[in-house]
Amino acid sequence: PLVDLGPQLGDFADTAAALAGLDLLVTVDT
């Protein structure tokens, strides 16, 4: 499964909170 966190990301502080709970991010240059 792919869990969609997008709807929970209101601002960059939300994205930071989500990232802090991950082991790794795979991303393009953004």
mmCIF file of all heavy atoms, coordinates in Angstrom:
data_MODEL
# 
_entry.id   MODEL 
# 
loop_
_atom_site.group_PDB 
_atom_site.id 
_atom_site.type_symbol 
_atom_site.label_atom_id 
_atom_site.label_alt_id 
_atom_site.label_comp_id 
_atom_site.label_asym_id 
_atom_site.label_entity_id 
_atom_site.label_seq_id 
_atom_site.pdbx_PDB_ins_code 
_atom_site.Cartn_x 
_atom_site.Cartn_y 
_atom_site.Cartn_z 
_atom_site.occupancy 
_atom_site.B_iso_or_equiv 
_atom_site.pdbx_formal_charge 
_atom_site.auth_seq_id 
_atom_site.auth_comp_id 
_atom_site.auth_asym_id 
_atom_site.auth_atom_id 
_atom_site.pdbx_PDB_model_num 
ATOM 1   N N   . PRO A 1 1  ? 0.817  -1.214 0.000  1.00 0.00 ? 1  PRO A N   1 
ATOM 2   C CA  . PRO A 1 1  ? 0.000  0.000  0.000  1.00 0.00 ? 1  PRO A CA  1 
ATOM 3   C C   . PRO A 1 1  ? 0.851  1.265  0.000  1.00 0.00 ? 1  PRO A C   1 
ATOM 4   O O   . PRO A 1 1  ? 2.007  1.254  0.442  1.00 0.00 ? 1  PRO A O   1 
ATOM 5   C CB  . PRO A 1 1  ? -0.791 -0.116 1.307  1.00 0.00 ? 1  PRO A CB  1 
ATOM 6   C CG  . PRO A 1 1  ? 0.114  -0.907 2.204  1.00 0.00 ? 1  PRO A CG  1 
ATOM 7   C CD  . PRO A 1 1  ? 0.820  -1.881 1.305  1.00 0.00 ? 1  PRO A CD  1 
ATOM 8   N N   . LEU A 1 2  ? 0.275  2.317  -0.490 1.00 0.00 ? 2  LEU A N   1 
ATOM 9   C CA  . LEU A 1 2  ? 0.898  3.636  -0.436 1.00 0.00 ? 2  LEU A CA  1 
ATOM 10  C C   . LEU A 1 2  ? -0.024 4.520  0.396  1.00 0.00 ? 2  LEU A C   1 
ATOM 11  O O   . LEU A 1 2  ? -1.163 4.791  0.009  1.00 0.00 ? 2  LEU A O   1 
ATOM 12  C CB  . LEU A 1 2  ? 1.062  4.216  -1.842 1.00 0.00 ? 2  LEU A CB  1 
ATOM 13  C CG  . LEU A 1 2  ? 1.617  5.641  -1.925 1.00 0.00 ? 2  LEU A CG  1 
ATOM 14  C CD1 . LEU A 1 2  ? 3.065  5.678  -1.453 1.00 0.00 ? 2  LEU A CD1 1 
ATOM 15  C CD2 . LEU A 1 2  ? 1.517  6.185  -3.349 1.00 0.00 ? 2  LEU A CD2 1 
ATOM 16  N N   . VAL A 1 3  ? 0.471  4.965  1.525  1.00 0.00 ? 3  VAL A N   1 
ATOM 17  C CA  . VAL A 1 3  ? -0.327 5.818  2.406  1.00 0.00 ? 3  VAL A CA  1 
ATOM 18  C C   . VAL A 1 3  ? -0.175 7.262  1.933  1.00 0.00 ? 3  VAL A C   1 
ATOM 19  O O   . VAL A 1 3  ? 0.938  7.777  1.817  1.00 0.00 ? 3  VAL A O   1 
ATOM 20  C CB  . VAL A 1 3  ? 0.134  5.690  3.871  1.00 0.00 ? 3  VAL A CB  1 
ATOM 21  C CG1 . VAL A 1 3  ? -0.685 6.614  4.761  1.00 0.00 ? 3  VAL A CG1 1 
ATOM 22  C CG2 . VAL A 1 3  ? 0.019  4.238  4.331  1.00 0.00 ? 3  VAL A CG2 1 
ATOM 23  N N   . ASP A 1 4  ? -1.297 7.895  1.638  1.00 0.00 ? 4  ASP A N   1 
ATOM 24  C CA  . ASP A 1 4  ? -1.285 9.256  1.119  1.00 0.00 ? 4  ASP A CA  1 
ATOM 25  C C   . ASP A 1 4  ? -1.341 10.254 2.277  1.00 0.00 ? 4  ASP A C   1 
ATOM 26  O O   . ASP A 1 4  ? -2.390 10.461 2.890  1.00 0.00 ? 4  ASP A O   1 
ATOM 27  C CB  . ASP A 1 4  ? -2.474 9.470  0.181  1.00 0.00 ? 4  ASP A CB  1 
ATOM 28  C CG  . ASP A 1 4  ? -2.434 10.834 -0.497 1.00 0.00 ? 4  ASP A CG  1 
ATOM 29  O OD1 . ASP A 1 4  ? -1.415 11.537 -0.349 1.00 0.00 ? 4  ASP A OD1 1 
ATOM 30  O OD2 . ASP A 1 4  ? -3.410 11.182 -1.185 1.00 0.00 ? 4  ASP A OD2 1 
ATOM 31  N N   . LEU A 1 5  ? -0.196 10.879 2.569  1.00 0.00 ? 5  LEU A N   1 
ATOM 32  C CA  . LEU A 1 5  ? -0.141 11.879 3.628  1.00 0.00 ? 5  LEU A CA  1 
ATOM 33  C C   . LEU A 1 5  ? -0.447 13.283 3.116  1.00 0.00 ? 5  LEU A C   1 
ATOM 34  O O   . LEU A 1 5  ? -0.582 14.224 3.906  1.00 0.00 ? 5  LEU A O   1 
ATOM 35  C CB  . LEU A 1 5  ? 1.248  11.882 4.278  1.00 0.00 ? 5  LEU A CB  1 
ATOM 36  C CG  . LEU A 1 5  ? 1.699  10.581 4.950  1.00 0.00 ? 5  LEU A CG  1 
ATOM 37  C CD1 . LEU A 1 5  ? 3.105  10.761 5.522  1.00 0.00 ? 5  LEU A CD1 1 
ATOM 38  C CD2 . LEU A 1 5  ? 0.737  10.169 6.050  1.00 0.00 ? 5  LEU A CD2 1 
ATOM 39  N N   . GLY A 1 6  ? -0.554 13.437 1.797  1.00 0.00 ? 6  GLY A N   1 
ATOM 40  C CA  . GLY A 1 6  ? -0.740 14.750 1.195  1.00 0.00 ? 6  GLY A CA  1 
ATOM 41  C C   . GLY A 1 6  ? -1.856 15.582 1.815  1.00 0.00 ? 6  GLY A C   1 
ATOM 42  O O   . GLY A 1 6  ? -1.650 16.762 2.129  1.00 0.00 ? 6  GLY A O   1 
ATOM 43  N N   . PRO A 1 7  ? -3.053 15.011 2.028  1.00 0.00 ? 7  PRO A N   1 
ATOM 44  C CA  . PRO A 1 7  ? -4.141 15.809 2.597  1.00 0.00 ? 7  PRO A CA  1 
ATOM 45  C C   . PRO A 1 7  ? -3.859 16.318 4.014  1.00 0.00 ? 7  PRO A C   1 
ATOM 46  O O   . PRO A 1 7  ? -4.525 17.246 4.473  1.00 0.00 ? 7  PRO A O   1 
ATOM 47  C CB  . PRO A 1 7  ? -5.326 14.825 2.594  1.00 0.00 ? 7  PRO A CB  1 
ATOM 48  C CG  . PRO A 1 7  ? -5.003 13.846 1.517  1.00 0.00 ? 7  PRO A CG  1 
ATOM 49  C CD  . PRO A 1 7  ? -3.516 13.694 1.570  1.00 0.00 ? 7  PRO A CD  1 
ATOM 50  N N   . GLN A 1 8  ? -2.873 15.730 4.692  1.00 0.00 ? 8  GLN A N   1 
ATOM 51  C CA  . GLN A 1 8  ? -2.552 16.151 6.061  1.00 0.00 ? 8  GLN A CA  1 
ATOM 52  C C   . GLN A 1 8  ? -1.486 17.251 6.104  1.00 0.00 ? 8  GLN A C   1 
ATOM 53  O O   . GLN A 1 8  ? -1.166 17.754 7.182  1.00 0.00 ? 8  GLN A O   1 
ATOM 54  C CB  . GLN A 1 8  ? -2.025 14.940 6.862  1.00 0.00 ? 8  GLN A CB  1 
ATOM 55  C CG  . GLN A 1 8  ? -2.880 13.702 6.771  1.00 0.00 ? 8  GLN A CG  1 
ATOM 56  C CD  . GLN A 1 8  ? -4.269 13.925 7.340  1.00 0.00 ? 8  GLN A CD  1 
ATOM 57  O OE1 . GLN A 1 8  ? -4.434 14.608 8.355  1.00 0.00 ? 8  GLN A OE1 1 
ATOM 58  N NE2 . GLN A 1 8  ? -5.276 13.353 6.687  1.00 0.00 ? 8  GLN A NE2 1 
ATOM 59  N N   . LEU A 1 9  ? -0.958 17.617 4.944  1.00 0.00 ? 9  LEU A N   1 
ATOM 60  C CA  . LEU A 1 9  ? 0.179  18.545 4.902  1.00 0.00 ? 9  LEU A CA  1 
ATOM 61  C C   . LEU A 1 9  ? -0.309 19.955 4.590  1.00 0.00 ? 9  LEU A C   1 
ATOM 62  O O   . LEU A 1 9  ? -0.396 20.362 3.428  1.00 0.00 ? 9  LEU A O   1 
ATOM 63  C CB  . LEU A 1 9  ? 1.201  18.076 3.856  1.00 0.00 ? 9  LEU A CB  1 
ATOM 64  C CG  . LEU A 1 9  ? 1.714  16.636 4.034  1.00 0.00 ? 9  LEU A CG  1 
ATOM 65  C CD1 . LEU A 1 9  ? 2.682  16.268 2.914  1.00 0.00 ? 9  LEU A CD1 1 
ATOM 66  C CD2 . LEU A 1 9  ? 2.374  16.461 5.397  1.00 0.00 ? 9  LEU A CD2 1 
ATOM 67  N N   . GLY A 1 10 ? -0.610 20.703 5.650  1.00 0.00 ? 10 GLY A N   1 
ATOM 68  C CA  . GLY A 1 10 ? -1.113 22.052 5.445  1.00 0.00 ? 10 GLY A CA  1 
ATOM 69  C C   . GLY A 1 10 ? -0.013 23.062 5.158  1.00 0.00 ? 10 GLY A C   1 
ATOM 70  O O   . GLY A 1 10 ? -0.197 23.991 4.385  1.00 0.00 ? 10 GLY A O   1 
ATOM 71  N N   . ASP A 1 11 ? 1.140  22.918 5.792  1.00 0.00 ? 11 ASP A N   1 
ATOM 72  C CA  . ASP A 1 11 ? 2.263  23.828 5.582  1.00 0.00 ? 11 ASP A CA  1 
ATOM 73  C C   . ASP A 1 11 ? 3.562  23.049 5.763  1.00 0.00 ? 11 ASP A C   1 
ATOM 74  O O   . ASP A 1 11 ? 3.547  21.827 5.955  1.00 0.00 ? 11 ASP A O   1 
ATOM 75  C CB  . ASP A 1 11 ? 2.179  25.032 6.527  1.00 0.00 ? 11 ASP A CB  1 
ATOM 76  C CG  . ASP A 1 11 ? 2.258  24.634 8.005  1.00 0.00 ? 11 ASP A CG  1 
ATOM 77  O OD1 . ASP A 1 11 ? 2.552  23.459 8.306  1.00 0.00 ? 11 ASP A OD1 1 
ATOM 78  O OD2 . ASP A 1 11 ? 2.029  25.508 8.863  1.00 0.00 ? 11 ASP A OD2 1 
ATOM 79  N N   . PHE A 1 12 ? 4.688  23.755 5.715  1.00 0.00 ? 12 PHE A N   1 
ATOM 80  C CA  . PHE A 1 12 ? 5.973  23.063 5.796  1.00 0.00 ? 12 PHE A CA  1 
ATOM 81  C C   . PHE A 1 12 ? 6.222  22.481 7.182  1.00 0.00 ? 12 PHE A C   1 
ATOM 82  O O   . PHE A 1 12 ? 6.966  21.499 7.317  1.00 0.00 ? 12 PHE A O   1 
ATOM 83  C CB  . PHE A 1 12 ? 7.102  24.005 5.398  1.00 0.00 ? 12 PHE A CB  1 
ATOM 84  C CG  . PHE A 1 12 ? 7.323  24.071 3.912  1.00 0.00 ? 12 PHE A CG  1 
ATOM 85  C CD1 . PHE A 1 12 ? 6.569  24.928 3.132  1.00 0.00 ? 12 PHE A CD1 1 
ATOM 86  C CD2 . PHE A 1 12 ? 8.266  23.275 3.297  1.00 0.00 ? 12 PHE A CD2 1 
ATOM 87  C CE1 . PHE A 1 12 ? 6.755  24.992 1.758  1.00 0.00 ? 12 PHE A CE1 1 
ATOM 88  C CE2 . PHE A 1 12 ? 8.461  23.324 1.924  1.00 0.00 ? 12 PHE A CE2 1 
ATOM 89  C CZ  . PHE A 1 12 ? 7.700  24.185 1.144  1.00 0.00 ? 12 PHE A CZ  1 
ATOM 90  N N   . ALA A 1 13 ? 5.625  23.060 8.203  1.00 0.00 ? 13 ALA A N   1 
ATOM 91  C CA  . ALA A 1 13 ? 5.779  22.479 9.544  1.00 0.00 ? 13 ALA A CA  1 
ATOM 92  C C   . ALA A 1 13 ? 5.101  21.121 9.616  1.00 0.00 ? 13 ALA A C   1 
ATOM 93  O O   . ALA A 1 13 ? 5.595  20.203 10.295 1.00 0.00 ? 13 ALA A O   1 
ATOM 94  C CB  . ALA A 1 13 ? 5.206  23.427 10.596 1.00 0.00 ? 13 ALA A CB  1 
ATOM 95  N N   . ASP A 1 14 ? 3.980  20.955 8.922  1.00 0.00 ? 14 ASP A N   1 
ATOM 96  C CA  . ASP A 1 14 ? 3.337  19.640 8.842  1.00 0.00 ? 14 ASP A CA  1 
ATOM 97  C C   . ASP A 1 14 ? 4.232  18.647 8.107  1.00 0.00 ? 14 ASP A C   1 
ATOM 98  O O   . ASP A 1 14 ? 4.397  17.494 8.534  1.00 0.00 ? 14 ASP A O   1 
ATOM 99  C CB  . ASP A 1 14 ? 1.988  19.742 8.120  1.00 0.00 ? 14 ASP A CB  1 
ATOM 100 C CG  . ASP A 1 14 ? 0.897  20.339 8.987  1.00 0.00 ? 14 ASP A CG  1 
ATOM 101 O OD1 . ASP A 1 14 ? 1.003  20.263 10.223 1.00 0.00 ? 14 ASP A OD1 1 
ATOM 102 O OD2 . ASP A 1 14 ? -0.075 20.881 8.421  1.00 0.00 ? 14 ASP A OD2 1 
ATOM 103 N N   . THR A 1 15 ? 4.798  19.090 6.991  1.00 0.00 ? 15 THR A N   1 
ATOM 104 C CA  . THR A 1 15 ? 5.680  18.200 6.227  1.00 0.00 ? 15 THR A CA  1 
ATOM 105 C C   . THR A 1 15 ? 6.893  17.807 7.054  1.00 0.00 ? 15 THR A C   1 
ATOM 106 O O   . THR A 1 15 ? 7.334  16.645 7.024  1.00 0.00 ? 15 THR A O   1 
ATOM 107 C CB  . THR A 1 15 ? 6.120  18.875 4.923  1.00 0.00 ? 15 THR A CB  1 
ATOM 108 O OG1 . THR A 1 15 ? 4.957  19.300 4.192  1.00 0.00 ? 15 THR A OG1 1 
ATOM 109 C CG2 . THR A 1 15 ? 6.918  17.917 4.053  1.00 0.00 ? 15 THR A CG2 1 
ATOM 110 N N   . ALA A 1 16 ? 7.424  18.752 7.826  1.00 0.00 ? 16 ALA A N   1 
ATOM 111 C CA  . ALA A 1 16 ? 8.557  18.438 8.711  1.00 0.00 ? 16 ALA A CA  1 
ATOM 112 C C   . ALA A 1 16 ? 8.158  17.388 9.738  1.00 0.00 ? 16 ALA A C   1 
ATOM 113 O O   . ALA A 1 16 ? 8.935  16.461 10.037 1.00 0.00 ? 16 ALA A O   1 
ATOM 114 C CB  . ALA A 1 16 ? 9.049  19.703 9.409  1.00 0.00 ? 16 ALA A CB  1 
ATOM 115 N N   . ALA A 1 17 ? 6.954  17.508 10.289 1.00 0.00 ? 17 ALA A N   1 
ATOM 116 C CA  . ALA A 1 17 ? 6.484  16.540 11.282 1.00 0.00 ? 17 ALA A CA  1 
ATOM 117 C C   . ALA A 1 17 ? 6.348  15.157 10.679 1.00 0.00 ? 17 ALA A C   1 
ATOM 118 O O   . ALA A 1 17 ? 6.676  14.151 11.314 1.00 0.00 ? 17 ALA A O   1 
ATOM 119 C CB  . ALA A 1 17 ? 5.159  17.010 11.866 1.00 0.00 ? 17 ALA A CB  1 
ATOM 120 N N   . ALA A 1 18 ? 5.866  15.088 9.437  1.00 0.00 ? 18 ALA A N   1 
ATOM 121 C CA  . ALA A 1 18 ? 5.754  13.793 8.769  1.00 0.00 ? 18 ALA A CA  1 
ATOM 122 C C   . ALA A 1 18 ? 7.132  13.211 8.478  1.00 0.00 ? 18 ALA A C   1 
ATOM 123 O O   . ALA A 1 18 ? 7.394  12.020 8.720  1.00 0.00 ? 18 ALA A O   1 
ATOM 124 C CB  . ALA A 1 18 ? 4.953  13.943 7.474  1.00 0.00 ? 18 ALA A CB  1 
ATOM 125 N N   . LEU A 1 19 ? 8.040  14.036 7.981  1.00 0.00 ? 19 LEU A N   1 
ATOM 126 C CA  . LEU A 1 19 ? 9.391  13.567 7.666  1.00 0.00 ? 19 LEU A CA  1 
ATOM 127 C C   . LEU A 1 19 ? 10.105 13.034 8.902  1.00 0.00 ? 19 LEU A C   1 
ATOM 128 O O   . LEU A 1 19 ? 10.860 12.050 8.828  1.00 0.00 ? 19 LEU A O   1 
ATOM 129 C CB  . LEU A 1 19 ? 10.211 14.702 7.050  1.00 0.00 ? 19 LEU A CB  1 
ATOM 130 C CG  . LEU A 1 19 ? 9.942  15.036 5.577  1.00 0.00 ? 19 LEU A CG  1 
ATOM 131 C CD1 . LEU A 1 19 ? 10.637 16.334 5.202  1.00 0.00 ? 19 LEU A CD1 1 
ATOM 132 C CD2 . LEU A 1 19 ? 10.418 13.900 4.679  1.00 0.00 ? 19 LEU A CD2 1 
ATOM 133 N N   . ALA A 1 20 ? 9.867  13.665 10.039 1.00 0.00 ? 20 ALA A N   1 
ATOM 134 C CA  . ALA A 1 20 ? 10.538 13.244 11.268 1.00 0.00 ? 20 ALA A CA  1 
ATOM 135 C C   . ALA A 1 20 ? 10.156 11.831 11.683 1.00 0.00 ? 20 ALA A C   1 
ATOM 136 O O   . ALA A 1 20 ? 10.885 11.189 12.450 1.00 0.00 ? 20 ALA A O   1 
ATOM 137 C CB  . ALA A 1 20 ? 10.218 14.227 12.402 1.00 0.00 ? 20 ALA A CB  1 
ATOM 138 N N   . GLY A 1 21 ? 9.047  11.332 11.170 1.00 0.00 ? 21 GLY A N   1 
ATOM 139 C CA  . GLY A 1 21 ? 8.623  9.974  11.494 1.00 0.00 ? 21 GLY A CA  1 
ATOM 140 C C   . GLY A 1 21 ? 9.013  8.941  10.452 1.00 0.00 ? 21 GLY A C   1 
ATOM 141 O O   . GLY A 1 21 ? 8.648  7.769  10.576 1.00 0.00 ? 21 GLY A O   1 
ATOM 142 N N   . LEU A 1 22 ? 9.731  9.363  9.412  1.00 0.00 ? 22 LEU A N   1 
ATOM 143 C CA  . LEU A 1 22 ? 10.137 8.446  8.354  1.00 0.00 ? 22 LEU A CA  1 
ATOM 144 C C   . LEU A 1 22 ? 11.590 8.026  8.526  1.00 0.00 ? 22 LEU A C   1 
ATOM 145 O O   . LEU A 1 22 ? 12.400 8.723  9.142  1.00 0.00 ? 22 LEU A O   1 
ATOM 146 C CB  . LEU A 1 22 ? 9.966  9.116  6.986  1.00 0.00 ? 22 LEU A CB  1 
ATOM 147 C CG  . LEU A 1 22 ? 8.540  9.513  6.579  1.00 0.00 ? 22 LEU A CG  1 
ATOM 148 C CD1 . LEU A 1 22 ? 8.554  10.239 5.233  1.00 0.00 ? 22 LEU A CD1 1 
ATOM 149 C CD2 . LEU A 1 22 ? 7.620  8.289  6.515  1.00 0.00 ? 22 LEU A CD2 1 
ATOM 150 N N   . ASP A 1 23 ? 11.910 6.878  7.960  1.00 0.00 ? 23 ASP A N   1 
ATOM 151 C CA  . ASP A 1 23 ? 13.296 6.412  7.955  1.00 0.00 ? 23 ASP A CA  1 
ATOM 152 C C   . ASP A 1 23 ? 14.077 6.962  6.770  1.00 0.00 ? 23 ASP A C   1 
ATOM 153 O O   . ASP A 1 23 ? 15.313 7.070  6.830  1.00 0.00 ? 23 ASP A O   1 
ATOM 154 C CB  . ASP A 1 23 ? 13.325 4.878  7.902  1.00 0.00 ? 23 ASP A CB  1 
ATOM 155 C CG  . ASP A 1 23 ? 12.643 4.258  9.104  1.00 0.00 ? 23 ASP A CG  1 
ATOM 156 O OD1 . ASP A 1 23 ? 13.093 4.524  10.233 1.00 0.00 ? 23 ASP A OD1 1 
ATOM 157 O OD2 . ASP A 1 23 ? 11.642 3.529  8.915  1.00 0.00 ? 23 ASP A OD2 1 
ATOM 158 N N   . LEU A 1 24 ? 13.355 7.307  5.701  1.00 0.00 ? 24 LEU A N   1 
ATOM 159 C CA  . LEU A 1 24 ? 14.016 7.707  4.460  1.00 0.00 ? 24 LEU A CA  1 
ATOM 160 C C   . LEU A 1 24 ? 13.003 8.426  3.572  1.00 0.00 ? 24 LEU A C   1 
ATOM 161 O O   . LEU A 1 24 ? 11.817 8.098  3.592  1.00 0.00 ? 24 LEU A O   1 
ATOM 162 C CB  . LEU A 1 24 ? 14.552 6.465  3.727  1.00 0.00 ? 24 LEU A CB  1 
ATOM 163 C CG  . LEU A 1 24 ? 15.152 6.651  2.332  1.00 0.00 ? 24 LEU A CG  1 
ATOM 164 C CD1 . LEU A 1 24 ? 16.477 7.423  2.416  1.00 0.00 ? 24 LEU A CD1 1 
ATOM 165 C CD2 . LEU A 1 24 ? 15.382 5.287  1.659  1.00 0.00 ? 24 LEU A CD2 1 
ATOM 166 N N   . LEU A 1 25 ? 13.498 9.394  2.798  1.00 0.00 ? 25 LEU A N   1 
ATOM 167 C CA  . LEU A 1 25 ? 12.692 10.039 1.758  1.00 0.00 ? 25 LEU A CA  1 
ATOM 168 C C   . LEU A 1 25 ? 13.366 9.819  0.415  1.00 0.00 ? 25 LEU A C   1 
ATOM 169 O O   . LEU A 1 25 ? 14.581 10.010 0.279  1.00 0.00 ? 25 LEU A O   1 
ATOM 170 C CB  . LEU A 1 25 ? 12.572 11.541 2.030  1.00 0.00 ? 25 LEU A CB  1 
ATOM 171 C CG  . LEU A 1 25 ? 11.879 12.360 0.929  1.00 0.00 ? 25 LEU A CG  1 
ATOM 172 C CD1 . LEU A 1 25 ? 10.387 12.022 0.867  1.00 0.00 ? 25 LEU A CD1 1 
ATOM 173 C CD2 . LEU A 1 25 ? 12.082 13.855 1.134  1.00 0.00 ? 25 LEU A CD2 1 
ATOM 174 N N   . VAL A 1 26 ? 12.582 9.411  -0.574 1.00 0.00 ? 26 VAL A N   1 
ATOM 175 C CA  . VAL A 1 26 ? 13.042 9.334  -1.961 1.00 0.00 ? 26 VAL A CA  1 
ATOM 176 C C   . VAL A 1 26 ? 12.260 10.396 -2.734 1.00 0.00 ? 26 VAL A C   1 
ATOM 177 O O   . VAL A 1 26 ? 11.029 10.364 -2.770 1.00 0.00 ? 26 VAL A O   1 
ATOM 178 C CB  . VAL A 1 26 ? 12.796 7.943  -2.570 1.00 0.00 ? 26 VAL A CB  1 
ATOM 179 C CG1 . VAL A 1 26 ? 13.194 7.926  -4.045 1.00 0.00 ? 26 VAL A CG1 1 
ATOM 180 C CG2 . VAL A 1 26 ? 13.572 6.874  -1.797 1.00 0.00 ? 26 VAL A CG2 1 
ATOM 181 N N   . THR A 1 27 ? 12.981 11.343 -3.349 1.00 0.00 ? 27 THR A N   1 
ATOM 182 C CA  . THR A 1 27 ? 12.305 12.488 -3.937 1.00 0.00 ? 27 THR A CA  1 
ATOM 183 C C   . THR A 1 27 ? 13.039 13.007 -5.160 1.00 0.00 ? 27 THR A C   1 
ATOM 184 O O   . THR A 1 27 ? 14.233 12.758 -5.341 1.00 0.00 ? 27 THR A O   1 
ATOM 185 C CB  . THR A 1 27 ? 12.182 13.628 -2.902 1.00 0.00 ? 27 THR A CB  1 
ATOM 186 O OG1 . THR A 1 27 ? 11.534 14.759 -3.506 1.00 0.00 ? 27 THR A OG1 1 
ATOM 187 C CG2 . THR A 1 27 ? 13.548 14.072 -2.394 1.00 0.00 ? 27 THR A CG2 1 
ATOM 188 N N   . VAL A 1 28 ? 12.306 13.730 -5.987 1.00 0.00 ? 28 VAL A N   1 
ATOM 189 C CA  . VAL A 1 28 ? 12.937 14.507 -7.045 1.00 0.00 ? 28 VAL A CA  1 
ATOM 190 C C   . VAL A 1 28 ? 13.447 15.815 -6.437 1.00 0.00 ? 28 VAL A C   1 
ATOM 191 O O   . VAL A 1 28 ? 13.269 16.072 -5.241 1.00 0.00 ? 28 VAL A O   1 
ATOM 192 C CB  . VAL A 1 28 ? 11.940 14.786 -8.193 1.00 0.00 ? 28 VAL A CB  1 
ATOM 193 C CG1 . VAL A 1 28 ? 11.544 13.487 -8.876 1.00 0.00 ? 28 VAL A CG1 1 
ATOM 194 C CG2 . VAL A 1 28 ? 10.704 15.539 -7.697 1.00 0.00 ? 28 VAL A CG2 1 
ATOM 195 N N   . ASP A 1 29 ? 14.065 16.636 -7.278 1.00 0.00 ? 29 ASP A N   1 
ATOM 196 C CA  . ASP A 1 29 ? 14.655 17.892 -6.812 1.00 0.00 ? 29 ASP A CA  1 
ATOM 197 C C   . ASP A 1 29 ? 13.553 18.922 -6.572 1.00 0.00 ? 29 ASP A C   1 
ATOM 198 O O   . ASP A 1 29 ? 13.138 19.651 -7.478 1.00 0.00 ? 29 ASP A O   1 
ATOM 199 C CB  . ASP A 1 29 ? 15.646 18.410 -7.858 1.00 0.00 ? 29 ASP A CB  1 
ATOM 200 C CG  . ASP A 1 29 ? 16.287 19.732 -7.450 1.00 0.00 ? 29 ASP A CG  1 
ATOM 201 O OD1 . ASP A 1 29 ? 16.110 20.140 -6.292 1.00 0.00 ? 29 ASP A OD1 1 
ATOM 202 O OD2 . ASP A 1 29 ? 16.971 20.341 -8.303 1.00 0.00 ? 29 ASP A OD2 1 
ATOM 203 N N   . THR A 1 30 ? 13.084 18.972 -5.341 1.00 0.00 ? 30 THR A N   1 
ATOM 204 C CA  . THR A 1 30 ? 12.049 19.928 -4.971 1.00 0.00 ? 30 THR A CA  1 
ATOM 205 C C   . THR A 1 30 ? 12.264 20.333 -3.517 1.00 0.00 ? 30 THR A C   1 
ATOM 206 O O   . THR A 1 30 ? 13.196 19.854 -2.859 1.00 0.00 ? 30 THR A O   1 
ATOM 207 C CB  . THR A 1 30 ? 10.647 19.343 -5.217 1.00 0.00 ? 30 THR A CB  1 
ATOM 208 O OG1 . THR A 1 30 ? 9.660  20.354 -5.019 1.00 0.00 ? 30 THR A OG1 1 
ATOM 209 C CG2 . THR A 1 30 ? 10.368 18.150 -4.329 1.00 0.00 ? 30 THR A CG2 1 
# 
